[in-house]
Amino acid sequence: MNISDSERIAGFLESLGMKPSIKNNKADLSAEALAKADLVILNTCGVRQMAEDRVYGIIHNLRQNKRKVKIIITGCLANRKDVQRRMKDKVDEFVSIEKFFKKKTDYLCLPPKHASSSSAYVPIMTGCNNFCAYCVVPYARGREISRPIKEIISEIDKLAKKKYKEIVLLGQNVNSYRNKQNKINFPILLNTLAVKYPAIIFRFLTSHPKDFSDKLIDVVAKNKNIYREIHLPFQAGSNKILKTMNRPYTKKKYLDLIKKIKKEVSGASFTTDVIVGFPGETKKDFEDSVDIFKKVIFNEAYINKYSPRPDTAAWKLGDPIPLEEKKRREKVLRKLVRPNTKYRKNKVS
């Protein structure tokens, strides 16, 4: 999502006559290039402390340079009061990406400067209503807002004319897309796009298990130009931890959903997100996550060591599990990832 937003910011800046730092036909993000820039916009991610610390490091290095540069923070950290206090003497402006423009979704209509000539990100909604206990997105992005289908089709029309081969539909909770005015939900939208653009392969990120409906499974199954590798985060295997996380499903329901998708969608395979070391996660709780990895056989997994985020419900729980134990659990799960096509036909036991 941040990559997609950055492409739109880049397109907007170039429309104002600004020029990006380029080296070997690619964006030059080296320390030397940043030091020479007149304007640096940091489109930030605040999901993990590591990403946040990287922002502080970049800003510190920029301010060490005697040359004056204007620095703007946008993205997840822009609305954080603690970040604003910490960086007030080093950052010129804190601007939510939506506030660059008059309405929250106006920026989604900007012509993006795509990094690829064959694959493109197309956001279809922004924000989230789920309020998972560990997640800052609803506070940083606000509540869910879905783009009108006419805007989405208009953008994809342009990409189709340019012979783009792959489009990734984006949303913090992409399969909760709702266009109430036209009574269009995500399965209807996805089916409409797959039928209208048969030469384009469609993917979608990121799904919530609670919103992965039977209708959506049917749409994926019947349209061969919808990518068969599905990203379906489970975050924790323990029912106790899932409840604390405010994830409204159980381990059994998640595995049942995987079984159903594999049964209906020929060649289906999976990637996922999981958090290790969430407050209260015992070694026994962790074994439930291990069990899911053994049963599903993921092609890839984004394994995150729990990082407390200000303003979230889990913030008050602290961070009681030692970093070394989190690293150990991460290694255990990493060894169970099998990025090999021969595993994609395996059924859930």
Protein backbone atom coordinates (compact mmCIF):
# COMPACT_ATOMS: atom_id res chain seq x y z
CA MET A 1 0.00 0.00 0.00
CA ASN A 2 2.84 2.40 0.83
CA ILE A 3 4.53 1.65 -2.49
CA SER A 4 1.29 2.43 -4.31
CA ASP A 5 0.80 5.67 -2.35
CA SER A 6 4.39 6.69 -3.07
CA GLU A 7 3.82 6.16 -6.79
CA ARG A 8 0.90 8.60 -6.61
CA ILE A 9 2.87 11.15 -4.62
CA ALA A 10 5.67 10.88 -7.21
CA GLY A 11 3.20 11.45 -10.05
CA PHE A 12 1.77 14.48 -8.25
CA LEU A 13 5.19 16.03 -7.60
CA GLU A 14 6.28 15.55 -11.19
CA SER A 15 3.06 17.23 -12.37
CA LEU A 16 4.28 20.28 -10.40
CA GLY A 17 7.55 20.27 -12.31
CA MET A 18 9.70 18.55 -9.72
CA LYS A 19 12.27 16.01 -10.82
CA PRO A 20 13.15 12.81 -8.96
CA SER A 21 16.68 11.70 -8.23
CA ILE A 22 17.46 9.05 -10.86
CA LYS A 23 20.43 6.76 -11.33
CA ASN A 24 20.67 4.02 -13.97
CA ASN A 25 17.01 4.63 -14.87
CA LYS A 26 15.91 3.92 -11.30
CA ALA A 27 15.01 6.08 -8.31
CA ASP A 28 18.19 6.95 -6.46
CA LEU A 29 17.59 6.67 -2.71
CA SER A 30 21.23 6.68 -1.71
CA ALA A 31 22.45 8.85 1.16
CA GLU A 32 24.32 10.99 -1.37
CA ALA A 33 21.17 11.60 -3.44
CA LEU A 34 19.09 12.40 -0.35
CA ALA A 35 21.74 14.88 0.79
CA LYS A 36 21.42 16.76 -2.51
CA ALA A 37 17.61 16.85 -2.58
CA ASP A 38 15.59 20.03 -2.11
CA LEU A 39 12.58 18.08 -0.84
CA VAL A 40 12.41 14.70 0.89
CA ILE A 41 9.01 13.10 1.61
CA LEU A 42 9.14 10.09 3.89
CA ASN A 43 6.05 7.95 3.31
CA THR A 44 6.23 6.06 6.56
CA CYS A 45 5.11 2.69 7.88
CA GLY A 46 4.42 2.46 11.59
CA VAL A 47 3.48 -1.20 11.82
CA ARG A 48 6.79 -2.17 13.45
CA GLN A 49 9.34 -0.32 15.55
CA MET A 50 12.12 -1.24 13.11
CA ALA A 51 10.44 0.70 10.30
CA GLU A 52 9.86 3.66 12.60
CA ASP A 53 13.50 3.69 13.76
CA ARG A 54 14.68 3.69 10.13
CA VAL A 55 12.77 6.95 9.58
CA TYR A 56 14.46 8.58 12.57
CA GLY A 57 17.86 7.48 11.25
CA ILE A 58 17.27 8.95 7.80
CA ILE A 59 16.07 12.27 9.22
CA HIS A 60 19.02 12.48 11.61
CA ASN A 61 21.46 11.91 8.76
CA LEU A 62 19.73 14.51 6.59
CA ARG A 63 19.92 17.16 9.31
CA GLN A 64 23.62 16.41 9.85
CA ASN A 65 24.14 17.77 6.35
CA LYS A 66 24.62 21.54 6.46
CA ARG A 67 22.58 22.03 3.28
CA LYS A 68 18.95 23.02 3.86
CA VAL A 69 16.42 20.44 2.78
CA LYS A 70 12.66 20.43 3.34
CA ILE A 71 11.49 17.25 5.06
CA ILE A 72 7.87 16.06 5.11
CA ILE A 73 6.57 13.00 6.96
CA THR A 74 3.45 11.36 5.60
CA GLY A 75 1.96 7.89 5.99
CA CYS A 76 1.42 6.03 9.27
CA LEU A 77 3.62 8.19 11.49
CA ALA A 78 2.28 11.56 10.37
CA ASN A 79 -0.60 11.65 12.88
CA ARG A 80 1.32 10.28 15.85
CA LYS A 81 1.62 13.01 18.53
CA ASP A 82 4.68 11.35 20.08
CA VAL A 83 6.43 11.30 16.70
CA GLN A 84 5.52 14.95 16.10
CA ARG A 85 6.98 15.94 19.49
CA ARG A 86 10.14 13.93 18.91
CA MET A 87 10.75 15.28 15.40
CA LYS A 88 9.34 18.83 15.70
CA ASP A 89 12.76 20.47 15.34
CA LYS A 90 13.87 18.26 12.45
CA VAL A 91 10.76 17.86 10.28
CA ASP A 92 9.14 20.75 8.40
CA GLU A 93 5.66 19.26 8.03
CA PHE A 94 3.61 16.26 9.15
CA VAL A 95 0.94 15.58 6.54
CA SER A 96 -1.49 12.65 6.25
CA ILE A 97 -1.37 11.48 2.66
CA GLU A 98 -5.12 12.03 2.41
CA LYS A 99 -4.68 15.65 3.55
CA PHE A 100 -2.52 16.47 0.56
CA PHE A 101 -5.91 16.81 -1.14
CA LYS A 102 -9.45 18.00 -0.46
CA LYS A 103 -11.10 14.60 0.10
CA LYS A 104 -9.71 11.43 1.62
CA THR A 105 -9.87 9.46 -1.63
CA ASP A 106 -8.83 12.27 -3.99
CA TYR A 107 -5.22 11.11 -3.95
CA LEU A 108 -6.31 7.71 -5.32
CA CYS A 109 -7.37 9.47 -8.53
CA LEU A 110 -3.88 10.86 -9.16
CA PRO A 111 -2.04 9.33 -12.12
CA PRO A 112 0.68 7.24 -10.47
CA LYS A 113 4.25 6.99 -11.67
CA HIS A 114 4.48 3.19 -11.90
CA ALA A 115 7.83 1.58 -11.21
CA SER A 116 7.01 -1.33 -13.55
CA SER A 117 5.76 -1.37 -17.14
CA SER A 118 4.02 -4.74 -16.78
CA SER A 119 2.69 -4.96 -13.20
CA ALA A 120 0.72 -2.29 -11.33
CA TYR A 121 -0.88 -1.69 -7.95
CA VAL A 122 -4.45 -0.37 -8.00
CA PRO A 123 -5.92 0.60 -4.60
CA ILE A 124 -9.66 -0.04 -4.39
CA MET A 125 -10.23 1.06 -0.79
CA THR A 126 -8.38 2.60 2.13
CA GLY A 127 -8.66 2.45 5.90
CA CYS A 128 -9.82 -0.35 8.20
CA ASN A 129 -12.73 -1.01 10.56
CA ASN A 130 -11.34 -4.09 12.30
CA PHE A 131 -9.28 -2.58 15.14
CA CYS A 132 -7.06 -5.61 15.69
CA ALA A 133 -5.47 -5.08 19.10
CA TYR A 134 -1.90 -4.85 17.74
CA CYS A 135 -2.58 -2.70 14.68
CA VAL A 136 -2.20 1.04 14.21
CA VAL A 137 -3.85 1.18 10.75
CA PRO A 138 -7.36 2.31 11.82
CA TYR A 139 -5.77 5.20 13.74
CA ALA A 140 -3.28 6.09 11.00
CA ARG A 141 -5.57 5.55 8.00
CA GLY A 142 -9.05 6.01 9.45
CA ARG A 143 -12.17 4.00 8.71
CA GLU A 144 -12.78 2.08 5.51
CA ILE A 145 -13.65 4.04 2.37
CA SER A 146 -14.17 2.24 -0.95
CA ARG A 147 -13.44 3.81 -4.33
CA PRO A 148 -16.28 4.11 -6.86
CA ILE A 149 -16.15 1.29 -9.38
CA LYS A 150 -16.05 3.80 -12.26
CA GLU A 151 -12.75 5.19 -10.95
CA ILE A 152 -11.27 1.72 -10.61
CA ILE A 153 -12.30 0.69 -14.13
CA SER A 154 -11.04 3.97 -15.57
CA GLU A 155 -7.61 3.39 -14.04
CA ILE A 156 -7.47 -0.22 -15.21
CA ASP A 157 -8.60 0.78 -18.71
CA LYS A 158 -5.51 2.95 -19.02
CA LEU A 159 -3.29 0.12 -17.80
CA ALA A 160 -4.91 -2.33 -20.22
CA LYS A 161 -4.22 0.02 -23.15
CA LYS A 162 -0.57 0.06 -22.08
CA LYS A 163 -0.56 -3.77 -22.17
CA TYR A 164 -0.04 -4.30 -18.46
CA LYS A 165 -0.03 -8.02 -17.69
CA GLU A 166 -0.68 -8.05 -13.93
CA ILE A 167 -2.72 -5.88 -11.57
CA VAL A 168 -2.71 -6.13 -7.78
CA LEU A 169 -5.89 -4.82 -6.16
CA LEU A 170 -5.01 -3.20 -2.83
CA GLY A 171 -6.69 -2.42 0.45
CA GLN A 172 -5.86 -2.71 4.13
CA ASN A 173 -8.79 -5.14 4.15
CA VAL A 174 -9.34 -5.59 0.44
CA ASN A 175 -12.15 -8.13 0.55
CA SER A 176 -14.35 -5.87 2.67
CA TYR A 177 -14.74 -3.54 -0.35
CA ARG A 178 -18.29 -2.18 -0.44
CA ASN A 179 -19.89 0.25 -2.85
CA LYS A 180 -23.23 0.77 -1.15
CA GLN A 181 -24.62 3.06 -3.85
CA ASN A 182 -24.29 0.41 -6.56
CA LYS A 183 -24.58 -2.57 -4.17
CA ILE A 184 -21.21 -3.86 -5.35
CA ASN A 185 -19.09 -5.92 -2.98
CA PHE A 186 -15.61 -7.34 -3.53
CA PRO A 187 -16.64 -10.63 -5.22
CA ILE A 188 -18.78 -8.69 -7.71
CA LEU A 189 -15.98 -6.20 -8.38
CA LEU A 190 -13.34 -8.92 -8.81
CA ASN A 191 -15.55 -10.96 -11.14
CA THR A 192 -16.38 -7.84 -13.19
CA LEU A 193 -12.71 -7.02 -13.65
CA ALA A 194 -11.64 -10.60 -14.41
CA VAL A 195 -14.30 -10.91 -17.12
CA LYS A 196 -13.73 -7.44 -18.59
CA TYR A 197 -9.93 -7.83 -18.81
CA PRO A 198 -9.21 -11.50 -19.65
CA ALA A 199 -5.61 -10.74 -20.71
CA ILE A 200 -4.71 -9.38 -17.24
CA ILE A 201 -3.81 -11.52 -14.24
CA PHE A 202 -5.44 -10.18 -11.06
CA ARG A 203 -4.13 -10.51 -7.50
CA PHE A 204 -5.48 -8.95 -4.31
CA LEU A 205 -3.96 -7.90 -0.96
CA THR A 206 -4.67 -8.13 1.95
CA SER A 207 -7.55 -10.42 2.89
CA HIS A 208 -9.11 -10.94 6.30
CA PRO A 209 -10.29 -14.53 6.93
CA LYS A 210 -13.63 -13.31 8.26
CA ASP A 211 -14.40 -11.64 4.91
CA PHE A 212 -13.27 -14.47 2.61
CA SER A 213 -16.76 -15.54 1.58
CA ASP A 214 -18.03 -18.56 -0.37
CA LYS A 215 -18.93 -16.15 -3.17
CA LEU A 216 -15.36 -14.89 -3.33
CA ILE A 217 -14.09 -18.48 -3.49
CA ASP A 218 -16.49 -19.13 -6.39
CA VAL A 219 -15.23 -16.07 -8.27
CA VAL A 220 -11.58 -17.08 -7.87
CA ALA A 221 -12.40 -20.67 -8.90
CA LYS A 222 -14.19 -19.81 -12.14
CA ASN A 223 -11.83 -17.10 -13.43
CA LYS A 224 -8.51 -18.49 -14.59
CA ASN A 225 -6.94 -15.02 -14.73
CA ILE A 226 -7.16 -14.62 -10.93
CA TYR A 227 -3.86 -15.62 -9.35
CA ARG A 228 -4.04 -18.91 -7.47
CA GLU A 229 -1.58 -17.93 -4.74
CA ILE A 230 -3.73 -16.32 -2.04
CA HIS A 231 -2.42 -14.15 0.78
CA LEU A 232 -4.45 -15.00 3.88
CA PRO A 233 -2.99 -13.79 7.20
CA PHE A 234 -3.83 -15.79 10.32
CA GLN A 235 -1.62 -13.80 12.78
CA ALA A 236 -1.80 -16.41 15.58
CA GLY A 237 -2.73 -20.07 15.88
CA SER A 238 -3.94 -19.95 19.48
CA ASN A 239 -7.64 -19.26 20.00
CA LYS A 240 -6.78 -17.45 23.23
CA ILE A 241 -4.36 -15.12 21.48
CA LEU A 242 -6.69 -14.59 18.52
CA LYS A 243 -9.40 -13.44 20.93
CA THR A 244 -6.99 -11.04 22.66
CA MET A 245 -5.93 -9.76 19.23
CA ASN A 246 -9.62 -9.11 18.34
CA ARG A 247 -9.40 -11.52 15.39
CA PRO A 248 -12.95 -12.96 15.15
CA TYR A 249 -12.19 -16.53 14.05
CA THR A 250 -10.62 -19.64 15.53
CA LYS A 251 -7.78 -21.89 14.45
CA LYS A 252 -10.34 -24.46 13.26
CA LYS A 253 -12.28 -21.88 11.23
CA TYR A 254 -9.07 -20.72 9.56
CA LEU A 255 -8.05 -24.27 8.63
CA ASP A 256 -11.60 -25.04 7.46
CA LEU A 257 -11.42 -21.99 5.18
CA ILE A 258 -8.11 -23.18 3.75
CA LYS A 259 -9.62 -26.63 3.11
CA LYS A 260 -12.64 -25.10 1.36
CA ILE A 261 -10.48 -22.90 -0.89
CA LYS A 262 -8.21 -25.82 -1.82
CA LYS A 263 -11.24 -27.95 -2.62
CA GLU A 264 -12.89 -25.34 -4.85
CA VAL A 265 -9.88 -23.56 -6.41
CA SER A 266 -7.67 -25.76 -8.52
CA GLY A 267 -3.97 -25.21 -7.78
CA ALA A 268 -4.60 -22.90 -4.82
CA SER A 269 -1.60 -22.10 -2.62
CA PHE A 270 -1.09 -19.67 0.22
CA THR A 271 1.07 -17.01 1.79
CA THR A 272 0.39 -15.50 5.20
CA ASP A 273 1.22 -13.03 7.98
CA VAL A 274 1.87 -14.17 11.55
CA ILE A 275 2.99 -12.43 14.74
CA VAL A 276 5.26 -14.17 17.23
CA GLY A 277 5.65 -13.04 20.83
CA PHE A 278 2.30 -11.28 21.24
CA PRO A 279 1.74 -10.50 24.95
CA GLY A 280 0.49 -13.62 26.71
CA GLU A 281 1.60 -16.04 23.99
CA THR A 282 2.95 -19.07 25.86
CA LYS A 283 5.09 -21.77 24.27
CA LYS A 284 1.94 -23.90 24.10
CA ASP A 285 0.09 -21.08 22.31
CA PHE A 286 2.99 -20.79 19.87
CA GLU A 287 2.72 -24.49 19.05
CA ASP A 288 -0.73 -23.78 17.60
CA SER A 289 0.94 -21.45 15.07
CA VAL A 290 3.52 -24.16 14.34
CA ASP A 291 0.67 -26.60 13.73
CA ILE A 292 -0.95 -24.29 11.17
CA PHE A 293 2.37 -23.96 9.32
CA LYS A 294 2.74 -27.76 9.20
CA LYS A 295 -0.79 -28.28 7.92
CA VAL A 296 -1.06 -25.50 5.34
CA ILE A 297 2.48 -25.44 3.86
CA PHE A 298 2.86 -21.74 3.02
CA ASN A 299 4.83 -20.58 -0.02
CA GLU A 300 5.87 -17.49 1.93
CA ALA A 301 5.19 -16.06 5.35
CA TYR A 302 5.75 -12.56 6.71
CA ILE A 303 6.75 -13.41 10.27
CA ASN A 304 6.65 -10.35 12.51
CA LYS A 305 8.14 -10.17 15.99
CA TYR A 306 5.52 -8.37 18.08
CA SER A 307 6.21 -4.66 18.42
CA PRO A 308 4.00 -2.53 20.71
CA ARG A 309 2.30 0.33 18.85
CA PRO A 310 1.10 3.49 20.66
CA ASP A 311 -2.68 4.04 20.80
CA THR A 312 -3.51 0.38 20.06
CA ALA A 313 -5.47 -1.79 22.50
CA ALA A 314 -2.44 -4.06 23.01
CA TRP A 315 -0.19 -1.15 24.04
CA LYS A 316 -1.30 -1.46 27.66
CA LEU A 317 -0.29 -5.14 27.69
CA GLY A 318 3.37 -4.18 27.45
CA ASP A 319 5.97 -6.35 25.76
CA PRO A 320 6.72 -9.15 28.24
CA ILE A 321 8.21 -11.76 25.91
CA PRO A 322 12.00 -11.36 25.48
CA LEU A 323 13.36 -10.50 22.04
CA GLU A 324 15.53 -13.63 21.99
CA GLU A 325 12.47 -15.82 22.47
CA LYS A 326 10.69 -13.99 19.67
CA LYS A 327 13.68 -14.60 17.41
CA ARG A 328 13.65 -18.29 18.32
CA ARG A 329 9.98 -18.61 17.44
CA GLU A 330 10.54 -16.76 14.18
CA LYS A 331 13.29 -19.22 13.20
CA VAL A 332 11.07 -22.20 14.01
CA LEU A 333 8.36 -20.94 11.67
CA ARG A 334 10.79 -19.82 8.97
CA LYS A 335 12.06 -23.39 8.64
CA LEU A 336 8.50 -24.55 7.90
CA VAL A 337 8.00 -22.25 4.90
CA ARG A 338 8.21 -24.19 1.64
CA PRO A 339 8.50 -21.86 -1.41
CA ASN A 340 8.27 -24.71 -3.87
CA THR A 341 5.54 -25.44 -6.43
CA LYS A 342 5.46 -29.13 -5.57
CA TYR A 343 3.81 -28.22 -2.24
CA ARG A 344 1.02 -26.18 -3.80
CA LYS A 345 -1.21 -29.21 -4.38
CA ASN A 346 -0.87 -30.51 -0.81
CA LYS A 347 -4.13 -30.71 1.04
CA VAL A 348 -4.66 -29.59 4.60
CA SER A 349 -4.59 -32.64 6.83
